[in-house]
Structure formats: C-alpha cells, structure tokens
N, C-alpha and C. Protein backbone atom coordinates (compact mmCIF):
# COMPACT_ATOMS: atom_id res chain seq x y z
N UNK A 1 -23.13 15.74 3.91
CA UNK A 1 -21.71 15.55 4.15
C UNK A 1 -21.45 14.14 4.69
N UNK A 2 -22.33 13.68 5.60
CA UNK A 2 -22.16 12.35 6.17
C UNK A 2 -22.29 11.28 5.09
N UNK A 3 -23.24 11.49 4.16
CA UNK A 3 -23.43 10.53 3.08
C UNK A 3 -22.19 10.48 2.18
N UNK A 4 -21.59 11.65 1.91
CA UNK A 4 -20.41 11.70 1.06
C UNK A 4 -19.23 10.99 1.75
N UNK A 5 -19.06 11.19 3.06
CA UNK A 5 -18.00 10.53 3.81
C UNK A 5 -18.23 9.04 3.82
N UNK A 6 -19.48 8.63 4.01
CA UNK A 6 -19.82 7.21 4.02
C UNK A 6 -19.53 6.58 2.67
N UNK A 7 -19.90 7.27 1.58
CA UNK A 7 -19.66 6.70 0.26
C UNK A 7 -18.16 6.67 -0.05
N UNK A 8 -17.41 7.65 0.46
CA UNK A 8 -15.96 7.65 0.23
C UNK A 8 -15.32 6.47 0.95
N UNK A 9 -15.72 6.24 2.19
CA UNK A 9 -15.17 5.12 2.95
C UNK A 9 -15.54 3.79 2.31
N UNK A 10 -16.79 3.67 1.90
CA UNK A 10 -17.26 2.45 1.26
C UNK A 10 -16.48 2.20 -0.04
N UNK A 11 -16.28 3.26 -0.81
CA UNK A 11 -15.53 3.13 -2.06
C UNK A 11 -14.08 2.79 -1.78
N UNK A 12 -13.49 3.41 -0.76
CA UNK A 12 -12.10 3.10 -0.40
C UNK A 12 -11.96 1.64 0.01
N UNK A 13 -12.96 1.13 0.71
CA UNK A 13 -12.93 -0.29 1.09
C UNK A 13 -12.99 -1.17 -0.16
N UNK A 14 -13.85 -0.83 -1.09
CA UNK A 14 -13.97 -1.63 -2.31
C UNK A 14 -12.68 -1.61 -3.11
N UNK A 15 -12.15 -0.42 -3.35
CA UNK A 15 -10.92 -0.32 -4.13
C UNK A 15 -9.72 -0.85 -3.36
N UNK A 16 -9.76 -0.74 -2.05
CA UNK A 16 -8.71 -1.35 -1.22
C UNK A 16 -8.75 -2.86 -1.34
N UNK A 17 -9.97 -3.41 -1.40
CA UNK A 17 -10.12 -4.86 -1.60
C UNK A 17 -9.54 -5.27 -2.94
N UNK A 18 -9.91 -4.54 -4.00
CA UNK A 18 -9.38 -4.86 -5.34
C UNK A 18 -7.85 -4.78 -5.35
N UNK A 19 -7.34 -3.70 -4.80
CA UNK A 19 -5.89 -3.50 -4.79
C UNK A 19 -5.21 -4.58 -3.94
N UNK A 20 -5.77 -4.85 -2.78
CA UNK A 20 -5.20 -5.88 -1.91
C UNK A 20 -5.18 -7.24 -2.58
N UNK A 21 -6.27 -7.59 -3.27
CA UNK A 21 -6.31 -8.87 -3.97
C UNK A 21 -5.30 -8.91 -5.12
N UNK A 22 -5.15 -7.79 -5.83
CA UNK A 22 -4.15 -7.73 -6.90
C UNK A 22 -2.75 -7.93 -6.33
N UNK A 23 -2.47 -7.32 -5.19
CA UNK A 23 -1.16 -7.49 -4.56
C UNK A 23 -0.94 -8.92 -4.08
N UNK A 24 -2.00 -9.54 -3.57
CA UNK A 24 -1.91 -10.93 -3.12
C UNK A 24 -1.64 -11.85 -4.31
N UNK A 25 -2.37 -11.64 -5.40
CA UNK A 25 -2.16 -12.47 -6.60
C UNK A 25 -0.73 -12.30 -7.10
N UNK A 26 -0.25 -11.06 -7.14
CA UNK A 26 1.12 -10.83 -7.60
C UNK A 26 2.12 -11.50 -6.65
N UNK A 27 1.89 -11.41 -5.34
CA UNK A 27 2.78 -12.06 -4.37
C UNK A 27 2.77 -13.57 -4.55
N UNK A 28 1.60 -14.13 -4.82
CA UNK A 28 1.50 -15.57 -5.07
C UNK A 28 2.28 -15.97 -6.31
N UNK A 29 2.19 -15.16 -7.36
CA UNK A 29 2.94 -15.44 -8.59
C UNK A 29 4.44 -15.42 -8.29
N UNK A 30 4.89 -14.42 -7.53
CA UNK A 30 6.31 -14.36 -7.17
C UNK A 30 6.70 -15.56 -6.32
N UNK A 31 5.85 -15.94 -5.37
CA UNK A 31 6.16 -17.06 -4.48
C UNK A 31 6.25 -18.37 -5.26
N UNK A 32 5.26 -18.64 -6.10
CA UNK A 32 5.21 -19.89 -6.86
C UNK A 32 6.39 -19.98 -7.84
N UNK A 33 6.78 -18.84 -8.40
CA UNK A 33 7.89 -18.84 -9.36
C UNK A 33 9.26 -18.75 -8.68
N UNK A 34 9.28 -18.72 -7.35
CA UNK A 34 10.54 -18.67 -6.62
C UNK A 34 11.22 -17.31 -6.67
N UNK A 35 10.46 -16.27 -6.92
CA UNK A 35 11.01 -14.92 -7.05
C UNK A 35 10.61 -13.99 -5.89
N UNK A 36 10.25 -14.57 -4.77
CA UNK A 36 9.78 -13.78 -3.63
C UNK A 36 10.76 -12.68 -3.22
N UNK A 37 12.04 -12.96 -3.30
CA UNK A 37 13.04 -12.01 -2.84
C UNK A 37 13.71 -11.24 -3.98
N UNK A 38 13.13 -11.27 -5.16
CA UNK A 38 13.67 -10.54 -6.30
C UNK A 38 13.29 -9.07 -6.16
N UNK A 39 14.29 -8.23 -5.89
CA UNK A 39 14.03 -6.81 -5.65
C UNK A 39 13.44 -6.11 -6.87
N UNK A 40 13.95 -6.41 -8.04
CA UNK A 40 13.45 -5.75 -9.25
C UNK A 40 11.98 -6.05 -9.47
N UNK A 41 11.59 -7.30 -9.31
CA UNK A 41 10.18 -7.65 -9.47
C UNK A 41 9.33 -7.11 -8.33
N UNK A 42 9.94 -6.88 -7.19
CA UNK A 42 9.22 -6.30 -6.06
C UNK A 42 8.73 -4.89 -6.33
N UNK A 43 9.44 -4.16 -7.19
CA UNK A 43 9.02 -2.80 -7.52
C UNK A 43 7.72 -2.77 -8.32
N UNK A 44 7.39 -3.88 -8.95
CA UNK A 44 6.14 -3.95 -9.71
C UNK A 44 4.94 -3.73 -8.77
N UNK A 45 5.08 -4.13 -7.51
CA UNK A 45 3.98 -3.94 -6.56
C UNK A 45 3.67 -2.45 -6.37
N UNK A 46 4.69 -1.58 -6.50
CA UNK A 46 4.45 -0.14 -6.41
C UNK A 46 3.64 0.35 -7.61
N UNK A 47 3.92 -0.23 -8.76
CA UNK A 47 3.15 0.12 -9.96
C UNK A 47 1.70 -0.34 -9.80
N UNK A 48 1.52 -1.53 -9.23
CA UNK A 48 0.16 -2.03 -8.98
C UNK A 48 -0.56 -1.09 -8.02
N UNK A 49 0.14 -0.64 -6.98
CA UNK A 49 -0.48 0.30 -6.04
C UNK A 49 -0.84 1.62 -6.72
N UNK A 50 0.06 2.12 -7.54
CA UNK A 50 -0.19 3.37 -8.26
C UNK A 50 -1.44 3.23 -9.12
N UNK A 51 -1.55 2.13 -9.85
CA UNK A 51 -2.72 1.91 -10.71
C UNK A 51 -4.00 1.75 -9.90
N UNK A 52 -3.93 1.00 -8.80
CA UNK A 52 -5.12 0.78 -7.97
C UNK A 52 -5.63 2.06 -7.32
N UNK A 53 -4.72 2.84 -6.77
CA UNK A 53 -5.11 4.11 -6.14
C UNK A 53 -5.62 5.08 -7.19
N UNK A 54 -4.93 5.15 -8.31
CA UNK A 54 -5.37 6.04 -9.40
C UNK A 54 -6.75 5.66 -9.92
N UNK A 55 -6.99 4.39 -10.08
CA UNK A 55 -8.30 3.90 -10.53
C UNK A 55 -9.38 4.32 -9.54
N UNK A 56 -9.11 4.16 -8.24
CA UNK A 56 -10.08 4.54 -7.22
C UNK A 56 -10.35 6.04 -7.19
N UNK A 57 -9.30 6.85 -7.30
CA UNK A 57 -9.47 8.31 -7.30
C UNK A 57 -10.27 8.77 -8.51
N UNK A 58 -9.93 8.23 -9.66
CA UNK A 58 -10.63 8.64 -10.88
C UNK A 58 -12.10 8.24 -10.81
N UNK A 59 -12.37 7.05 -10.33
CA UNK A 59 -13.76 6.60 -10.21
C UNK A 59 -14.53 7.49 -9.23
N UNK A 60 -13.92 7.80 -8.10
CA UNK A 60 -14.59 8.65 -7.11
C UNK A 60 -14.88 10.03 -7.69
N UNK A 61 -13.89 10.61 -8.34
CA UNK A 61 -14.06 11.94 -8.93
C UNK A 61 -15.16 11.93 -9.99
N UNK A 62 -15.09 11.01 -10.92
CA UNK A 62 -15.98 11.02 -12.08
C UNK A 62 -17.37 10.45 -11.82
N UNK A 63 -17.49 9.48 -10.92
CA UNK A 63 -18.76 8.78 -10.75
C UNK A 63 -19.48 9.04 -9.43
N UNK A 64 -18.75 9.51 -8.44
CA UNK A 64 -19.36 9.70 -7.12
C UNK A 64 -19.44 11.17 -6.74
N UNK A 65 -18.43 11.94 -7.08
CA UNK A 65 -18.30 13.31 -6.59
C UNK A 65 -18.56 14.36 -7.68
N UNK A 66 -19.42 14.04 -8.62
CA UNK A 66 -19.83 15.00 -9.67
C UNK A 66 -18.67 15.60 -10.45
N UNK A 67 -17.64 14.82 -10.71
CA UNK A 67 -16.52 15.30 -11.51
C UNK A 67 -15.54 16.18 -10.75
N UNK A 68 -15.69 16.29 -9.45
CA UNK A 68 -14.82 17.16 -8.65
C UNK A 68 -14.00 16.33 -7.67
N UNK A 69 -12.78 16.78 -7.41
CA UNK A 69 -11.93 16.13 -6.42
C UNK A 69 -10.93 17.16 -5.92
N UNK A 70 -11.00 17.48 -4.63
CA UNK A 70 -10.01 18.39 -4.06
C UNK A 70 -8.74 17.60 -3.75
N UNK A 71 -7.68 18.31 -3.53
CA UNK A 71 -6.42 17.66 -3.21
C UNK A 71 -6.56 16.83 -1.93
N UNK A 72 -7.20 17.41 -0.93
CA UNK A 72 -7.40 16.71 0.35
C UNK A 72 -8.25 15.46 0.21
N UNK A 73 -9.32 15.54 -0.59
CA UNK A 73 -10.15 14.36 -0.83
C UNK A 73 -9.34 13.26 -1.49
N UNK A 74 -8.54 13.64 -2.48
CA UNK A 74 -7.71 12.65 -3.17
C UNK A 74 -6.70 12.01 -2.24
N UNK A 75 -6.05 12.83 -1.41
CA UNK A 75 -5.08 12.29 -0.45
C UNK A 75 -5.75 11.32 0.52
N UNK A 76 -6.88 11.76 1.08
CA UNK A 76 -7.58 10.91 2.05
C UNK A 76 -8.04 9.61 1.43
N UNK A 77 -8.61 9.69 0.26
CA UNK A 77 -9.09 8.49 -0.43
C UNK A 77 -7.94 7.55 -0.74
N UNK A 78 -6.84 8.09 -1.25
CA UNK A 78 -5.69 7.26 -1.59
C UNK A 78 -5.10 6.54 -0.39
N UNK A 79 -4.99 7.24 0.73
CA UNK A 79 -4.45 6.62 1.94
C UNK A 79 -5.41 5.56 2.46
N UNK A 80 -6.71 5.85 2.43
CA UNK A 80 -7.68 4.84 2.88
C UNK A 80 -7.62 3.58 2.01
N UNK A 81 -7.56 3.75 0.71
CA UNK A 81 -7.44 2.60 -0.19
C UNK A 81 -6.19 1.80 0.16
N UNK A 82 -5.09 2.49 0.41
CA UNK A 82 -3.83 1.83 0.74
C UNK A 82 -3.91 1.07 2.06
N UNK A 83 -4.56 1.65 3.04
CA UNK A 83 -4.68 0.98 4.34
C UNK A 83 -5.50 -0.29 4.20
N UNK A 84 -6.63 -0.21 3.50
CA UNK A 84 -7.45 -1.41 3.32
C UNK A 84 -6.70 -2.47 2.51
N UNK A 85 -5.95 -2.05 1.50
CA UNK A 85 -5.14 -2.99 0.71
C UNK A 85 -4.04 -3.58 1.59
N UNK A 86 -3.46 -2.76 2.46
CA UNK A 86 -2.42 -3.24 3.38
C UNK A 86 -2.92 -4.28 4.35
N UNK A 87 -4.16 -4.13 4.81
CA UNK A 87 -4.75 -5.13 5.70
C UNK A 87 -4.84 -6.47 4.98
N UNK A 88 -5.30 -6.44 3.75
CA UNK A 88 -5.47 -7.69 2.99
C UNK A 88 -4.11 -8.31 2.66
N UNK A 89 -3.18 -7.51 2.13
CA UNK A 89 -1.87 -8.08 1.79
C UNK A 89 -1.09 -8.45 3.05
N UNK A 90 -1.26 -7.70 4.12
CA UNK A 90 -0.62 -8.05 5.39
C UNK A 90 -1.14 -9.35 5.95
N UNK A 91 -2.45 -9.57 5.86
CA UNK A 91 -3.05 -10.83 6.32
C UNK A 91 -2.51 -11.98 5.48
N UNK A 92 -2.39 -11.77 4.17
CA UNK A 92 -1.84 -12.81 3.31
C UNK A 92 -0.40 -13.12 3.71
N UNK A 93 0.40 -12.09 3.95
CA UNK A 93 1.80 -12.30 4.36
C UNK A 93 1.86 -13.08 5.67
N UNK A 94 0.96 -12.76 6.58
CA UNK A 94 0.89 -13.48 7.85
C UNK A 94 0.62 -14.96 7.61
N UNK A 95 -0.40 -15.27 6.79
CA UNK A 95 -0.75 -16.66 6.50
C UNK A 95 0.41 -17.37 5.79
N UNK A 96 1.01 -16.68 4.84
CA UNK A 96 2.12 -17.27 4.09
C UNK A 96 3.28 -17.63 5.00
N UNK A 97 3.67 -16.71 5.87
CA UNK A 97 4.86 -16.92 6.70
C UNK A 97 4.60 -17.73 7.96
N UNK A 98 3.36 -17.75 8.40
CA UNK A 98 3.04 -18.51 9.61
C UNK A 98 2.67 -19.95 9.29
N UNK A 99 1.90 -20.17 8.21
CA UNK A 99 1.37 -21.50 7.95
C UNK A 99 1.85 -22.15 6.65
N UNK A 100 1.95 -21.38 5.58
CA UNK A 100 2.29 -21.97 4.28
C UNK A 100 3.78 -22.26 4.18
N UNK A 101 4.62 -21.27 4.46
CA UNK A 101 6.07 -21.44 4.34
C UNK A 101 6.81 -20.65 5.41
N UNK A 102 6.88 -21.23 6.63
CA UNK A 102 7.58 -20.54 7.72
C UNK A 102 9.07 -20.34 7.45
N UNK A 103 9.64 -21.05 6.48
CA UNK A 103 11.07 -20.92 6.20
C UNK A 103 11.41 -19.62 5.46
N UNK A 104 10.40 -18.88 5.03
CA UNK A 104 10.67 -17.63 4.30
C UNK A 104 11.48 -16.64 5.14
N UNK A 105 11.21 -16.58 6.42
CA UNK A 105 11.96 -15.65 7.28
C UNK A 105 13.43 -16.05 7.37
N UNK A 106 13.69 -17.35 7.47
CA UNK A 106 15.08 -17.81 7.50
C UNK A 106 15.77 -17.50 6.18
N UNK A 107 15.07 -17.65 5.07
CA UNK A 107 15.64 -17.34 3.76
C UNK A 107 15.96 -15.84 3.66
N UNK A 108 15.06 -15.03 4.17
CA UNK A 108 15.28 -13.58 4.13
C UNK A 108 16.51 -13.20 4.96
N UNK A 109 16.65 -13.82 6.13
CA UNK A 109 17.81 -13.55 6.99
C UNK A 109 19.10 -13.99 6.29
N UNK A 110 19.09 -15.17 5.68
CA UNK A 110 20.29 -15.67 5.00
C UNK A 110 20.68 -14.74 3.85
N UNK A 111 19.70 -14.26 3.09
CA UNK A 111 20.00 -13.33 1.99
C UNK A 111 20.55 -12.01 2.50
N UNK A 112 19.97 -11.50 3.59
CA UNK A 112 20.44 -10.24 4.16
C UNK A 112 21.87 -10.38 4.68
N UNK A 113 22.16 -11.51 5.32
CA UNK A 113 23.51 -11.73 5.82
C UNK A 113 24.52 -11.86 4.68
N UNK A 114 24.11 -12.53 3.62
CA UNK A 114 24.98 -12.69 2.46
C UNK A 114 25.32 -11.33 1.84
N UNK A 115 24.31 -10.48 1.72
CA UNK A 115 24.55 -9.14 1.17
C UNK A 115 25.42 -8.31 2.10
N UNK A 116 25.21 -8.48 3.41
CA UNK A 116 26.03 -7.74 4.38
C UNK A 116 27.48 -8.18 4.31
N UNK A 117 27.70 -9.48 4.12
CA UNK A 117 29.07 -9.98 3.99
C UNK A 117 29.75 -9.41 2.74
N UNK A 118 28.99 -9.31 1.66
CA UNK A 118 29.54 -8.72 0.43
C UNK A 118 29.93 -7.27 0.67
N UNK A 119 29.19 -6.61 1.56
CA UNK A 119 29.46 -5.20 1.88
C UNK A 119 30.55 -5.03 2.92
N UNK A 120 31.11 -6.14 3.41
CA UNK A 120 32.22 -6.06 4.35
C UNK A 120 31.81 -6.08 5.81
N UNK A 121 30.65 -6.63 6.14
CA UNK A 121 30.20 -6.68 7.53
C UNK A 121 31.03 -7.67 8.33
N UNK A 122 31.19 -7.39 9.60
CA UNK A 122 31.92 -8.28 10.50
C UNK A 122 30.97 -9.30 11.11
N UNK A 123 31.52 -10.31 11.77
CA UNK A 123 30.70 -11.33 12.42
C UNK A 123 29.81 -10.70 13.51
N UNK A 124 30.36 -9.74 14.23
CA UNK A 124 29.58 -9.07 15.28
C UNK A 124 28.38 -8.35 14.67
N UNK A 125 28.61 -7.71 13.53
CA UNK A 125 27.50 -7.02 12.86
C UNK A 125 26.46 -8.01 12.36
N UNK A 126 26.91 -9.16 11.88
CA UNK A 126 25.97 -10.20 11.42
C UNK A 126 25.13 -10.73 12.59
N UNK A 127 25.79 -10.92 13.74
CA UNK A 127 25.04 -11.37 14.92
C UNK A 127 24.02 -10.34 15.35
N UNK A 128 24.42 -9.07 15.30
CA UNK A 128 23.50 -7.99 15.65
C UNK A 128 22.33 -7.95 14.66
N UNK A 129 22.62 -8.14 13.38
CA UNK A 129 21.58 -8.14 12.36
C UNK A 129 20.60 -9.29 12.61
N UNK A 130 21.13 -10.44 12.99
CA UNK A 130 20.27 -11.59 13.26
C UNK A 130 19.34 -11.31 14.44
N UNK A 131 19.84 -10.64 15.45
CA UNK A 131 19.01 -10.28 16.60
C UNK A 131 17.90 -9.32 16.23
N UNK A 132 18.23 -8.32 15.45
CA UNK A 132 17.23 -7.33 15.02
C UNK A 132 16.18 -7.99 14.13
N UNK A 133 16.63 -8.81 13.19
CA UNK A 133 15.67 -9.48 12.30
C UNK A 133 14.81 -10.47 13.07
N UNK A 134 15.37 -11.04 14.14
CA UNK A 134 14.60 -11.96 14.97
C UNK A 134 13.39 -11.28 15.60
N UNK A 135 13.57 -9.99 15.96
CA UNK A 135 12.46 -9.24 16.54
C UNK A 135 11.35 -9.03 15.51
N UNK A 136 11.75 -8.88 14.24
CA UNK A 136 10.78 -8.60 13.19
C UNK A 136 10.32 -9.85 12.45
N UNK A 137 10.72 -11.01 12.92
CA UNK A 137 10.34 -12.24 12.23
C UNK A 137 9.00 -12.79 12.69
N UNK A 138 8.41 -12.17 13.67
CA UNK A 138 7.10 -12.58 14.14
C UNK A 138 6.07 -12.23 13.06
N UNK A 139 5.26 -13.21 12.64
CA UNK A 139 4.27 -12.92 11.58
C UNK A 139 3.31 -11.78 11.93
N UNK A 140 3.01 -11.61 13.20
CA UNK A 140 2.13 -10.49 13.59
C UNK A 140 2.80 -9.15 13.32
N UNK A 141 4.08 -9.08 13.62
CA UNK A 141 4.83 -7.85 13.36
C UNK A 141 4.90 -7.59 11.87
N UNK A 142 5.06 -8.66 11.11
CA UNK A 142 5.10 -8.53 9.64
C UNK A 142 3.77 -8.00 9.12
N UNK A 143 2.67 -8.50 9.67
CA UNK A 143 1.33 -8.05 9.23
C UNK A 143 1.14 -6.56 9.54
N UNK A 144 1.48 -6.16 10.74
CA UNK A 144 1.33 -4.76 11.13
C UNK A 144 2.27 -3.87 10.31
N UNK A 145 3.48 -4.36 10.07
CA UNK A 145 4.43 -3.60 9.25
C UNK A 145 3.92 -3.44 7.83
N UNK A 146 3.25 -4.47 7.31
CA UNK A 146 2.69 -4.39 5.95
C UNK A 146 1.61 -3.32 5.88
N UNK A 147 0.79 -3.22 6.90
CA UNK A 147 -0.28 -2.21 6.92
C UNK A 147 0.33 -0.81 7.00
N UNK A 148 1.29 -0.63 7.90
CA UNK A 148 1.92 0.68 8.05
C UNK A 148 2.70 1.04 6.78
N UNK A 149 3.43 0.08 6.25
CA UNK A 149 4.20 0.33 5.02
C UNK A 149 3.31 0.66 3.85
N UNK A 150 2.19 -0.04 3.75
CA UNK A 150 1.24 0.23 2.67
C UNK A 150 0.65 1.63 2.80
N UNK A 151 0.33 2.03 4.02
CA UNK A 151 -0.21 3.38 4.25
C UNK A 151 0.83 4.44 3.89
N UNK A 152 2.08 4.19 4.24
CA UNK A 152 3.15 5.15 3.94
C UNK A 152 3.37 5.28 2.44
N UNK A 153 3.54 4.16 1.76
CA UNK A 153 3.74 4.18 0.30
C UNK A 153 2.50 4.76 -0.38
N UNK A 154 1.32 4.38 0.13
CA UNK A 154 0.08 4.91 -0.43
C UNK A 154 -0.01 6.42 -0.27
N UNK A 155 0.49 6.94 0.84
CA UNK A 155 0.47 8.39 1.05
C UNK A 155 1.38 9.09 0.04
N UNK A 156 2.53 8.51 -0.21
CA UNK A 156 3.45 9.11 -1.19
C UNK A 156 2.82 9.09 -2.58
N UNK A 157 2.26 7.94 -2.94
CA UNK A 157 1.61 7.82 -4.25
C UNK A 157 0.43 8.78 -4.34
N UNK A 158 -0.33 8.89 -3.25
CA UNK A 158 -1.51 9.76 -3.23
C UNK A 158 -1.14 11.23 -3.36
N UNK A 159 0.01 11.63 -2.82
CA UNK A 159 0.47 13.01 -2.98
C UNK A 159 0.55 13.37 -4.46
N UNK A 160 1.08 12.45 -5.23
CA UNK A 160 1.25 12.69 -6.66
C UNK A 160 -0.08 12.59 -7.40
N UNK A 161 -0.81 11.50 -7.14
CA UNK A 161 -2.05 11.27 -7.88
C UNK A 161 -3.13 12.30 -7.55
N UNK A 162 -3.18 12.76 -6.31
CA UNK A 162 -4.19 13.76 -5.94
C UNK A 162 -3.96 15.05 -6.73
N UNK A 163 -2.71 15.38 -6.98
CA UNK A 163 -2.41 16.58 -7.78
C UNK A 163 -2.82 16.36 -9.24
N UNK A 164 -2.68 15.14 -9.72
CA UNK A 164 -3.05 14.84 -11.11
C UNK A 164 -4.56 14.82 -11.30
N UNK A 165 -5.28 14.17 -10.38
CA UNK A 165 -6.73 14.00 -10.53
C UNK A 165 -7.55 15.14 -9.94
N UNK A 166 -6.90 16.10 -9.30
CA UNK A 166 -7.60 17.22 -8.67
C UNK A 166 -8.42 17.98 -9.71
N UNK A 167 -9.67 18.23 -9.38
CA UNK A 167 -10.53 19.05 -10.24
C UNK A 167 -11.51 19.77 -9.33
N UNK A 168 -11.39 21.10 -9.31
CA UNK A 168 -12.28 21.92 -8.50
C UNK A 168 -13.14 22.77 -9.44
N UNK A 169 -14.25 23.28 -8.94
CA UNK A 169 -15.10 24.12 -9.79
C UNK A 169 -14.33 25.34 -10.28
N UNK A 170 -14.61 25.74 -11.50
CA UNK A 170 -13.93 26.89 -12.10
C UNK A 170 -14.18 28.17 -11.30
N UNK A 171 -15.42 28.43 -11.00
CA UNK A 171 -15.79 29.67 -10.29
C UNK A 171 -16.29 29.32 -8.89
N UNK A 172 -15.44 28.74 -8.08
CA UNK A 172 -15.88 28.28 -6.77
C UNK A 172 -16.37 29.43 -5.90
N UNK A 173 -15.79 30.63 -6.01
CA UNK A 173 -16.25 31.76 -5.22
C UNK A 173 -17.65 32.17 -5.66
N UNK A 174 -17.86 32.26 -6.95
CA UNK A 174 -19.18 32.65 -7.47
C UNK A 174 -20.24 31.61 -7.11
N UNK A 175 -19.87 30.32 -7.15
CA UNK A 175 -20.83 29.28 -6.78
C UNK A 175 -21.16 29.34 -5.30
N UNK A 176 -20.16 29.67 -4.46
CA UNK A 176 -20.41 29.80 -3.03
C UNK A 176 -21.35 30.97 -2.75
N UNK A 177 -21.17 32.07 -3.47
CA UNK A 177 -22.05 33.23 -3.29
C UNK A 177 -23.48 32.87 -3.72
N UNK A 178 -23.63 32.14 -4.79
CA UNK A 178 -24.96 31.73 -5.26
C UNK A 178 -25.64 30.83 -4.23
N UNK A 179 -24.83 29.94 -3.59
CA UNK A 179 -25.40 29.05 -2.59
C UNK A 179 -25.90 29.83 -1.38
N UNK A 180 -25.25 30.95 -1.05
CA UNK A 180 -25.67 31.77 0.09
C UNK A 180 -26.94 32.52 -0.22
N UNK A 181 -27.09 32.96 -1.47
CA UNK A 181 -28.26 33.76 -1.86
C UNK A 181 -29.46 32.94 -1.88
C-alpha cells in the first residue's frame, strides 16, 4: 500500500510538472501577444487542465494500477496533479508580476474599474474596489491564490474525470473472497 501511495504521489508530481509547464507556456504566449486579460482565451487554461489531469489519470490507471482506478483514487490523483501544477503556475505568476512586469496589477485594476463603470458603479464603489484589489495585489497572495484556485478547479475537473476513468474489478466480492482463502 505504501509503495502504491508513493508511486501515486510521484506520478502526480510528474504530471503536475507537465501540466504546470503547459500552463506557464500558455500564459507566456498570452503575455507576449498582449492577451493576458482576454477572458475568452483564459478559458483555454481550463481545457489544458482537463487534458493534463485526464492524461495523468489514464496513465495511472492503465500503466501503474493494473487497469483499475476507483473514484477516490481518481479524485485524489487529480487534485494532487492540480496542486503541483498550481505551485508551478503560481510561482510563474509571482515572478511575472513581481519582477518581469509589475504593471500587470495596475492594468488589472484599471480594467476592473472600467467594467465596473460600465455596470453603473459609483465613485465610492470604485474606491472600495481599489482597496480590496490592493490587498490582493501582493505577488505572494497571488501565488497562494493560484495554488488554491488550481486545487479548486482541479477538484471540479477531477469529479468529472474520475467518473469517466473509473474502472473497478468486475467481481470484486469474489476476488476479495479468493484473497481471504
């Protein structure tokens, strides 16, 4: 059991690394092309996460766990992959906003205020929004938020994928009885 847990964690780290690097590359493409704040293109990162987690679950089921994957194993693996990917993408976000382009936070605030004005926000509400965003403009907070957000989105994706990739033995009761005998 310990070996299986160790191999699951090791595999989650590997696939989390792959997924994290894919998310970093995609973020770099968005940044270089000036599309960092494009909401529509931002949804592509969810598709990348779905593919990365699915790839990891399928590999674990087919190559590590003898073709079997319980719902709980799939959920756990998916969340672990997401957390490791979140650490990598969060670290990248930290470096990007702290050292490469510190003006990104100001740009995000300006865009949020512009959208709020379109929605009919008052000056007092804009000032309040600026104060709240100021609390979250710290790159460390952004990094931690990226990890938590990645784990949350990964959990939602894993709920779905674990049901898809789940494969248990056909006669699990009969196999358990044979193991006892």
